Protein backbone atom coordinates (compact mmCIF):
# COMPACT_ATOMS: atom_id res chain seq x y z
CA UNK A 1 -13.32 12.01 6.76
CA UNK A 2 -13.18 9.15 9.37
CA UNK A 3 -9.85 8.92 11.79
CA UNK A 4 -9.12 5.83 14.32
CA UNK A 5 -5.47 6.42 14.56
CA UNK A 6 -6.80 6.19 18.09
CA UNK A 7 -7.89 2.40 17.69
CA UNK A 8 -4.17 1.55 16.49
CA UNK A 9 -0.92 1.68 18.79
CA UNK A 10 2.38 0.21 17.25
CA UNK A 11 5.04 -0.05 19.92
CA UNK A 12 8.32 1.41 19.29
CA UNK A 13 11.61 0.29 18.02
CA UNK A 14 15.00 0.45 19.78
CA UNK A 15 16.82 3.42 18.76
CA UNK A 16 18.96 1.74 16.09
CA UNK A 17 22.03 4.47 15.96
CA UNK A 18 22.12 8.51 15.97
CA UNK A 19 19.11 10.34 14.22
CA UNK A 20 19.67 11.07 10.67
CA UNK A 21 17.69 13.88 9.02
CA UNK A 22 15.39 12.57 5.74
CA UNK A 23 13.85 14.90 3.13
CA UNK A 24 11.37 12.70 1.05
CA UNK A 25 10.00 14.24 -2.44
CA UNK A 26 6.54 12.47 -4.00
CA UNK A 27 4.81 13.29 -6.57
CA UNK A 28 1.44 11.87 -7.00
CA UNK A 29 0.92 10.38 -10.07
CA UNK A 30 -2.29 7.73 -8.49
CA UNK A 31 -3.72 9.73 -6.08
CA UNK A 32 -3.24 7.27 -3.26
CA UNK A 33 -0.61 4.24 -4.38
CA UNK A 34 2.36 7.16 -4.23
CA UNK A 35 1.68 9.09 -1.70
CA UNK A 36 0.52 6.41 0.68
CA UNK A 37 3.68 4.63 0.18
CA UNK A 38 5.50 7.57 1.20
CA UNK A 39 3.54 8.78 3.59
CA UNK A 40 3.68 5.22 5.46
CA UNK A 41 7.95 5.71 4.91
CA UNK A 42 8.27 9.09 6.91
CA UNK A 43 5.89 7.75 9.48
CA UNK A 44 8.19 4.78 9.58
CA UNK A 45 11.23 6.77 9.98
CA UNK A 46 10.00 9.94 12.54
CA UNK A 47 7.80 6.74 14.90
CA UNK A 48 10.04 4.16 14.87
CA UNK A 49 13.66 5.55 14.23
CA UNK A 50 12.57 8.94 15.91
CA UNK A 51 14.73 10.65 12.55
CA UNK A 52 13.07 14.10 11.85
CA UNK A 53 11.63 13.97 8.24
CA UNK A 54 10.27 16.68 5.72
CA UNK A 55 8.10 14.86 2.97
CA UNK A 56 7.86 17.15 -0.16
CA UNK A 57 4.70 16.39 -1.80
CA UNK A 58 3.46 18.56 -5.31
CA UNK A 59 -0.40 17.96 -4.91
CA UNK A 60 -1.06 18.39 -1.27
CA UNK A 61 -4.81 17.74 -2.25
CA UNK A 62 -5.14 14.45 -2.72
CA UNK A 63 -2.73 13.38 -0.38
CA UNK A 64 -5.23 15.05 2.30
CA UNK A 65 -7.48 12.06 1.00
CA UNK A 66 -5.45 9.90 2.95
CA UNK A 67 -4.34 11.99 5.83
CA UNK A 68 -7.54 14.19 6.54
CA UNK A 69 -5.67 16.77 9.41
CA UNK A 70 -3.22 17.75 6.77
CA UNK A 71 -4.18 21.76 5.25
CA UNK A 72 -3.94 21.60 1.75
CA UNK A 73 -3.79 24.94 1.87
CA UNK A 74 -0.40 25.64 3.84
CA UNK A 75 3.00 25.32 2.13
CA UNK A 76 4.74 24.09 5.15
CA UNK A 77 3.06 22.45 8.50
CA UNK A 78 3.92 19.99 11.07
CA UNK A 79 1.71 17.10 10.86
CA UNK A 80 1.90 13.63 13.11
CA UNK A 81 5.43 14.09 13.95
CA UNK A 82 6.63 14.81 10.12
CA UNK A 83 7.50 18.43 8.55
CA UNK A 84 4.92 18.73 5.24
CA UNK A 85 6.26 21.05 2.88
CA UNK A 86 4.37 21.76 -0.85
CA UNK A 87 6.57 20.85 -3.61
CA UNK A 88 6.82 23.57 -5.94
CA UNK A 89 8.76 24.93 -8.57
CA UNK A 90 12.80 25.17 -8.88
CA UNK A 91 12.11 28.95 -7.26
CA UNK A 92 10.97 27.67 -4.05
CA UNK A 93 14.39 26.00 -3.21
CA UNK A 94 16.28 29.08 -3.00
CA UNK A 95 17.12 28.53 0.09
CA UNK A 96 17.28 24.90 0.28
CA UNK A 97 19.42 22.98 2.61
CA UNK A 98 19.50 19.31 2.32
CA UNK A 99 19.12 16.33 4.73
CA UNK A 100 21.50 14.10 5.59
CA UNK A 101 19.69 11.26 3.45
CA UNK A 102 17.23 12.82 0.36
CA UNK A 103 14.46 10.53 -1.19
CA UNK A 104 13.38 11.04 -4.27
CA UNK A 105 10.13 8.28 -4.60
CA UNK A 106 9.21 6.45 -7.21
CA UNK A 107 11.83 7.81 -9.97
CA UNK A 108 10.62 11.67 -9.36
CA UNK A 109 12.83 14.18 -10.69
CA UNK A 110 14.02 16.12 -8.17
CA UNK A 111 14.48 20.09 -8.98
CA UNK A 112 17.67 21.27 -10.51
CA UNK A 113 17.75 23.85 -7.43
CA UNK A 114 17.88 21.01 -4.75
CA UNK A 115 20.10 18.53 -6.62
CA UNK A 116 22.66 21.62 -6.40
CA UNK A 117 22.34 22.40 -3.32
CA UNK A 118 23.40 18.88 -2.45
CA UNK A 119 26.12 18.78 -4.62
CA UNK A 120 27.24 22.49 -2.72
CA UNK A 121 26.68 20.79 0.85
CA UNK A 122 30.26 20.52 2.75
CA UNK A 123 28.94 16.49 3.13
CA UNK A 124 26.66 15.74 0.06
CA UNK A 125 23.03 13.91 1.61
CA UNK A 126 22.89 9.95 0.51
CA UNK A 127 20.53 10.18 -2.61
CA UNK A 128 18.04 7.59 -3.20
CA UNK A 129 16.11 6.41 -5.37
CA UNK A 130 13.22 4.48 -3.98
CA UNK A 131 11.82 2.36 -7.11
CA UNK A 132 8.46 0.63 -7.19
CA UNK A 133 7.92 -2.39 -5.67
CA UNK A 134 8.47 -5.69 -8.55
CA UNK A 135 9.13 -9.62 -7.55
CA UNK A 136 10.70 -9.44 -10.92
CA UNK A 137 14.11 -11.62 -10.71
CA UNK A 138 16.24 -8.55 -12.49
CA UNK A 139 15.65 -6.39 -9.28
CA UNK A 140 17.63 -8.51 -6.88
CA UNK A 141 21.09 -7.15 -9.33
CA UNK A 142 19.93 -3.98 -10.04
CA UNK A 143 18.49 -3.29 -6.02
CA UNK A 144 21.99 -0.98 -4.21
CA UNK A 145 23.32 0.24 -7.34
CA UNK A 146 25.31 3.58 -7.55
CA UNK A 147 24.65 6.15 -10.52
CA UNK A 148 26.74 8.86 -10.54
CA UNK A 149 25.79 12.19 -11.61
CA UNK A 150 26.23 13.32 -15.21
CA UNK A 151 27.48 16.87 -13.95
CA UNK A 152 27.59 17.05 -10.50
CA UNK A 153 29.60 15.28 -7.99
CA UNK A 154 26.84 13.27 -6.42
CA UNK A 155 26.21 9.32 -7.03
CA UNK A 156 22.55 8.30 -6.46
CA UNK A 157 21.67 4.72 -5.26
CA UNK A 158 18.80 2.42 -6.17
CA UNK A 159 16.45 1.02 -3.48
CA UNK A 160 14.05 -1.56 -4.88
CA UNK A 161 11.54 -3.16 -2.40
CA UNK A 162 11.15 -7.00 -2.63
CA UNK A 163 9.79 -10.25 -1.70
CA UNK A 164 13.52 -11.36 -1.11
CA UNK A 165 16.60 -10.96 0.99
CA UNK A 166 18.42 -9.17 -1.77
CA UNK A 167 15.91 -6.45 -2.36
CA UNK A 168 14.69 -3.84 -0.04
CA UNK A 169 11.65 -5.76 1.55
CA UNK A 170 8.06 -4.51 2.21
CA UNK A 171 7.17 -1.57 4.38
CA UNK A 172 5.91 -2.58 7.82
CA UNK A 173 5.90 -0.49 10.94
CA UNK A 174 7.19 -1.81 14.58
CA UNK A 175 4.33 -4.24 16.33
CA UNK A 176 1.88 -4.06 13.22
CA UNK A 177 1.88 -7.97 12.88
CA UNK A 178 0.78 -7.85 16.47
CA UNK A 179 -1.71 -5.19 16.75
CA UNK A 180 -3.49 -6.77 13.34
CA UNK A 181 -3.54 -10.19 15.66
CA UNK A 182 -5.43 -8.35 18.81
CA UNK A 183 -7.49 -6.58 16.59
CA UNK A 184 -8.30 -9.94 14.30
CA UNK A 185 -9.36 -11.09 18.14
CA UNK A 186 -11.20 -8.68 19.43
CA UNK A 187 -15.05 -8.54 18.42
CA UNK A 188 -16.50 -5.42 20.07
CA UNK A 189 -13.69 -3.46 18.37
CA UNK A 190 -14.39 -4.71 14.63
CA UNK A 191 -17.95 -3.90 15.77
CA UNK A 192 -17.59 -0.75 16.99
CA UNK A 193 -15.51 0.07 14.22
CA UNK A 194 -18.35 -1.04 11.63
CA UNK A 195 -21.00 1.00 13.08
CA UNK A 196 -18.93 3.91 12.41
CA UNK A 197 -20.29 3.50 8.92
CA UNK A 198 -23.56 2.03 10.09
CA UNK A 199 -22.68 -1.49 8.78
CA UNK A 200 -24.11 -4.61 11.06
CA UNK A 201 -21.74 -7.03 12.58
CA UNK A 202 -20.62 -9.59 10.62
CA UNK A 203 -22.29 -12.98 10.89
CA UNK A 204 -20.95 -16.51 11.03
CA UNK A 205 -22.64 -17.35 7.70
CA UNK A 206 -20.76 -14.55 5.76
CA UNK A 207 -18.49 -13.35 3.84
CA UNK A 208 -16.95 -9.88 4.12
CA UNK A 209 -15.17 -8.66 1.24
CA UNK A 210 -13.32 -5.34 0.13
CA UNK A 211 -13.05 -4.25 -3.15
CA UNK A 212 -10.62 -1.70 -4.38
CA UNK A 213 -9.79 -1.91 -8.03
CA UNK A 214 -9.30 0.11 -10.85
CA UNK A 215 -12.52 0.08 -13.72
CA UNK A 216 -12.76 -3.36 -14.17
CA UNK A 217 -15.69 -5.80 -16.31
CA UNK A 218 -14.35 -8.89 -14.43
CA UNK A 219 -15.87 -6.92 -11.37
CA UNK A 220 -19.12 -6.99 -12.78
CA UNK A 221 -19.17 -10.24 -13.66
CA UNK A 222 -18.07 -11.65 -9.61
CA UNK A 223 -20.56 -9.55 -8.24
CA UNK A 224 -23.66 -10.81 -10.24
CA UNK A 225 -22.80 -14.40 -8.97
CA UNK A 226 -22.30 -13.38 -5.93
CA UNK A 227 -25.80 -11.82 -6.07
CA UNK A 228 -26.47 -15.35 -7.04
CA UNK A 229 -24.98 -16.87 -4.09
CA UNK A 230 -26.13 -19.34 -1.09
CA UNK A 231 -23.74 -17.50 0.82
CA UNK A 232 -24.50 -13.94 1.71
CA UNK A 233 -21.84 -11.64 0.67
CA UNK A 234 -21.19 -7.47 2.24
CA UNK A 235 -18.71 -5.89 -0.31
CA UNK A 236 -16.96 -3.31 1.30
CA UNK A 237 -16.21 -0.62 -1.60
CA UNK A 238 -14.49 2.02 -1.02
CA UNK A 239 -14.92 5.53 -3.70
CA UNK A 240 -12.59 4.90 -6.09
CA UNK A 241 -12.75 3.80 -9.96
CA UNK A 242 -14.39 0.67 -9.39
CA UNK A 243 -17.59 1.62 -8.02
CA UNK A 244 -18.38 2.68 -11.84
CA UNK A 245 -18.81 -0.94 -12.20
CA UNK A 246 -20.51 -1.92 -9.00
CA UNK A 247 -23.23 0.88 -10.31
CA UNK A 248 -23.21 -1.05 -13.44
CA UNK A 249 -24.31 -3.92 -11.72
CA UNK A 250 -27.09 -2.35 -9.39
CA UNK A 251 -28.50 -0.10 -11.49
CA UNK A 252 -28.20 3.06 -9.77
CA UNK A 253 -25.19 5.56 -8.76
CA UNK A 254 -24.18 5.01 -5.35
CA UNK A 255 -22.74 7.27 -2.54
CA UNK A 256 -20.94 6.96 0.24
CA UNK A 257 -22.31 5.82 3.46
CA UNK A 258 -25.21 4.56 0.71
CA UNK A 259 -26.02 0.57 1.18
CA UNK A 260 -27.70 -1.29 -1.32
CA UNK A 261 -28.83 -4.98 -1.87
CA UNK A 262 -29.60 -7.07 -4.32
CA UNK A 263 -29.78 -11.18 -4.01
CA UNK A 264 -27.11 -12.36 -1.34
CA UNK A 265 -25.08 -9.05 -2.22
CA UNK A 266 -24.94 -6.40 0.14
CA UNK A 267 -22.60 -3.38 -0.91
CA UNK A 268 -21.71 -0.77 1.56
CA UNK A 269 -20.07 2.15 -0.34
CA UNK A 270 -17.10 3.33 2.43
CA UNK A 271 -15.83 7.22 2.22
CA UNK A 272 -12.04 7.43 2.03
CA UNK A 273 -10.38 7.47 4.99
CA UNK A 274 -7.19 8.08 6.80
CA UNK A 275 -4.79 4.70 6.38
CA UNK A 276 -4.92 2.88 9.68
CA UNK A 277 -8.82 3.05 9.27
CA UNK A 278 -8.21 1.69 5.86
CA UNK A 279 -5.70 -1.28 7.21
CA UNK A 280 -8.89 -2.13 10.20
CA UNK A 281 -10.71 -2.53 7.02
CA UNK A 282 -8.46 -5.45 5.60
CA UNK A 283 -8.05 -6.70 8.80
CA UNK A 284 -12.03 -7.12 9.20
CA UNK A 285 -12.48 -8.78 5.99
CA UNK A 286 -12.58 -12.19 4.66
CA UNK A 287 -11.26 -11.40 1.20
CA UNK A 288 -9.59 -8.25 0.05
CA UNK A 289 -9.58 -7.35 -3.66
CA UNK A 290 -6.46 -4.22 -4.09
CA UNK A 291 -5.14 -2.48 -6.45
CA UNK A 292 -1.91 -0.70 -6.95
CA UNK A 293 1.30 -0.79 -4.44
CA UNK A 294 0.17 0.49 -1.05
CA UNK A 295 -2.74 -1.15 -0.49
CA UNK A 296 -1.02 -4.40 -2.31
CA UNK A 297 1.50 -4.21 0.62
CA UNK A 298 -1.02 -3.47 3.22
CA UNK A 299 -3.10 -6.79 2.43
CA UNK A 300 -0.65 -8.67 2.70
CA UNK A 301 -0.31 -7.70 6.39
CA UNK A 302 -3.87 -8.19 7.03
CA UNK A 303 -2.95 -12.31 6.99
CA UNK A 304 -6.60 -12.47 4.70
CA UNK A 305 -6.66 -14.02 1.03
CA UNK A 306 -6.29 -11.13 -1.36
CA UNK A 307 -6.67 -11.28 -5.45
CA UNK A 308 -4.30 -7.70 -6.50
CA UNK A 309 -5.52 -5.32 -9.17
CA UNK A 310 -2.08 -4.44 -11.01
CA UNK A 311 -2.07 -1.32 -12.82
CA UNK A 312 -2.28 -2.24 -16.38
CA UNK A 313 0.97 -1.37 -18.86
CA UNK A 314 0.82 -1.26 -22.77
CA UNK A 315 2.38 -4.83 -24.32
CA UNK A 316 0.75 -6.32 -20.90
CA UNK A 317 3.89 -5.81 -18.53
CA UNK A 318 2.05 -5.78 -16.12
CA UNK A 319 1.10 -9.54 -16.62
CA UNK A 320 4.75 -10.27 -15.98
CA UNK A 321 4.73 -8.13 -12.79
CA UNK A 322 2.26 -10.18 -11.88
CA UNK A 323 3.55 -13.70 -12.56
CA UNK A 324 6.89 -12.58 -10.87
CA UNK A 325 4.72 -12.26 -7.52
CA UNK A 326 1.99 -15.38 -7.99
CA UNK A 327 5.93 -17.13 -8.08
CA UNK A 328 7.02 -16.06 -5.17
CA UNK A 329 2.89 -16.24 -2.76
CA UNK A 330 2.13 -19.11 -4.27
CA UNK A 331 5.89 -21.14 -3.87
CA UNK A 332 4.62 -22.88 -0.71
CA UNK A 333 1.30 -23.89 -1.12
CA UNK A 334 -0.30 -27.59 -3.09
CA UNK A 335 -0.55 -27.35 -6.50
CA UNK A 336 -3.80 -27.39 -7.01
CA UNK A 337 -4.46 -24.19 -4.44
CA UNK A 338 -1.27 -22.50 -6.24
CA UNK A 339 -3.64 -23.07 -9.98
CA UNK A 340 -6.73 -21.89 -8.51
CA UNK A 341 -4.94 -18.39 -7.20
CA UNK A 342 -2.70 -18.10 -10.64
CA UNK A 343 -6.35 -18.88 -12.50
CA UNK A 344 -8.16 -16.12 -10.48
CA UNK A 345 -5.40 -13.27 -10.51
CA UNK A 346 -5.24 -13.42 -13.93
CA UNK A 347 -9.30 -13.90 -14.81
CA UNK A 348 -9.11 -10.30 -12.47
CA UNK A 349 -6.69 -8.62 -14.32
CA UNK A 350 -7.52 -9.79 -17.46
CA UNK A 351 -11.19 -8.47 -16.99
CA UNK A 352 -12.81 -11.78 -18.15
CA UNK A 353 -13.06 -15.34 -16.91
CA UNK A 354 -14.11 -14.57 -13.40
CA UNK A 355 -17.22 -16.58 -12.52
CA UNK A 356 -15.34 -20.09 -13.17
CA UNK A 357 -11.63 -19.23 -11.89
CA UNK A 358 -14.30 -17.94 -8.66
CA UNK A 359 -16.03 -21.07 -8.26
CA UNK A 360 -12.31 -22.90 -8.43
CA UNK A 361 -10.93 -20.91 -5.86
CA UNK A 362 -13.94 -21.17 -3.63
CA UNK A 363 -12.80 -24.85 -3.08
CA UNK A 364 -9.23 -24.11 -1.81
CA UNK A 365 -10.46 -21.26 0.83
CA UNK A 366 -9.09 -22.71 3.97
CA UNK A 367 -5.53 -23.56 2.70
CA UNK A 368 -5.85 -19.94 0.88
CA UNK A 369 -7.17 -18.69 4.60
CA UNK A 370 -3.98 -20.76 6.23
CA UNK A 371 -1.43 -19.51 3.83
CA UNK A 372 -2.40 -15.71 4.04
CA UNK A 373 -1.97 -15.81 8.15
CA UNK A 374 1.47 -17.23 7.89
CA UNK A 375 2.60 -15.01 4.80
CA UNK A 376 3.54 -12.24 6.57
CA UNK A 377 5.95 -14.13 8.65
CA UNK A 378 8.00 -15.54 5.83
CA UNK A 379 8.04 -11.66 4.59
CA UNK A 380 9.36 -10.47 7.59
CA UNK A 381 11.95 -13.15 8.33
CA UNK A 382 14.99 -10.58 7.19
CA UNK A 383 13.48 -7.12 8.11
CA UNK A 384 11.26 -4.89 6.77
CA UNK A 385 12.14 -1.87 4.27
CA UNK A 386 12.43 0.92 6.77
CA UNK A 387 14.56 -1.03 8.72
CA UNK A 388 16.67 -2.30 5.35
CA UNK A 389 16.52 1.37 4.50
CA UNK A 390 18.38 2.51 7.69
CA UNK A 391 20.61 -0.06 7.10
CA UNK A 392 22.11 0.42 3.87
CA UNK A 393 22.50 4.31 4.87
CA UNK A 394 24.51 3.90 8.03
CA UNK A 395 26.51 1.02 6.20
CA UNK A 396 27.31 4.35 3.95
CA UNK A 397 28.01 6.59 6.50
CA UNK A 398 30.66 4.18 8.00
């Protein structure tokens, strides 16, 4: 594991109010998506707002893959200023004292003992259900809605991340954009970063691409196309599900640390790293292919073109979510560029037709890059998810 936190320096916000105590509960479903967002939120609250945070996680082993200093065998530990607790059965909450704010991340069901302790408190905590990110229109109507408990004197509020000022926004720590801009102007720092993986410095004529996706036949099409490209392509592939498709194209088993070339394509297999190191990868590539929620959001802050592999759902419900995002993302683009991005996004998620879609999209790379640089500013006009969440809580404590 590599830890590059020392390479990042974020600015601290002025305190917004008296500190609030927080309990964040997270069950690990997608190894890095759910816990990735929960861990970033815990760090945002603790570092930028100076609020004490306890993070309850049911799978510390998976958590440790993105937080390598975590001890999976320890039931309670301090990590980066946050108290991390193993989430066990109800029996582990016999003496539980709720924080002022309790968050169940992504609809995970709180243990009954926790709910009872919340109800028995002299002043029951504010209870937030932090939902999955969606760009669909219905989210605006549901964001902030109250849901009384059917049995206990408790009320839960739904908080939806989103892309408009009538949602919870996207999670972004203080100073991140300025830090990213400085990094992208620092060629020496980028060279040193790539040397950690034994990867040569980026050359002006090459494309540097990150590929983090679920299994995807479209990845095989695109990698084969890049192998015959007139432009050298260096593809960074973190260990994960899409590695099987990469192996099929290259005809060999691949492991972290390997570098394999075929024609104009060179694949670099990266080990799973901490979150800060992954940010640096996104910042240092020309185009980022991402999956799920956490890497999807971080790719937007990178200011680089991105294609999102959304988690497949029954009846193609995920394509509705994809189109909802694309309607926001492409709203300020010229029609030809918007059409090309949408077509490539559909081909990527349908798993076919990627070469033709990519060839059409290549013609619009300058417009895509320019749009990607401006996109974060548009998203942060009304503040990020952390700021909006704290304000939401404070308004209900008045």
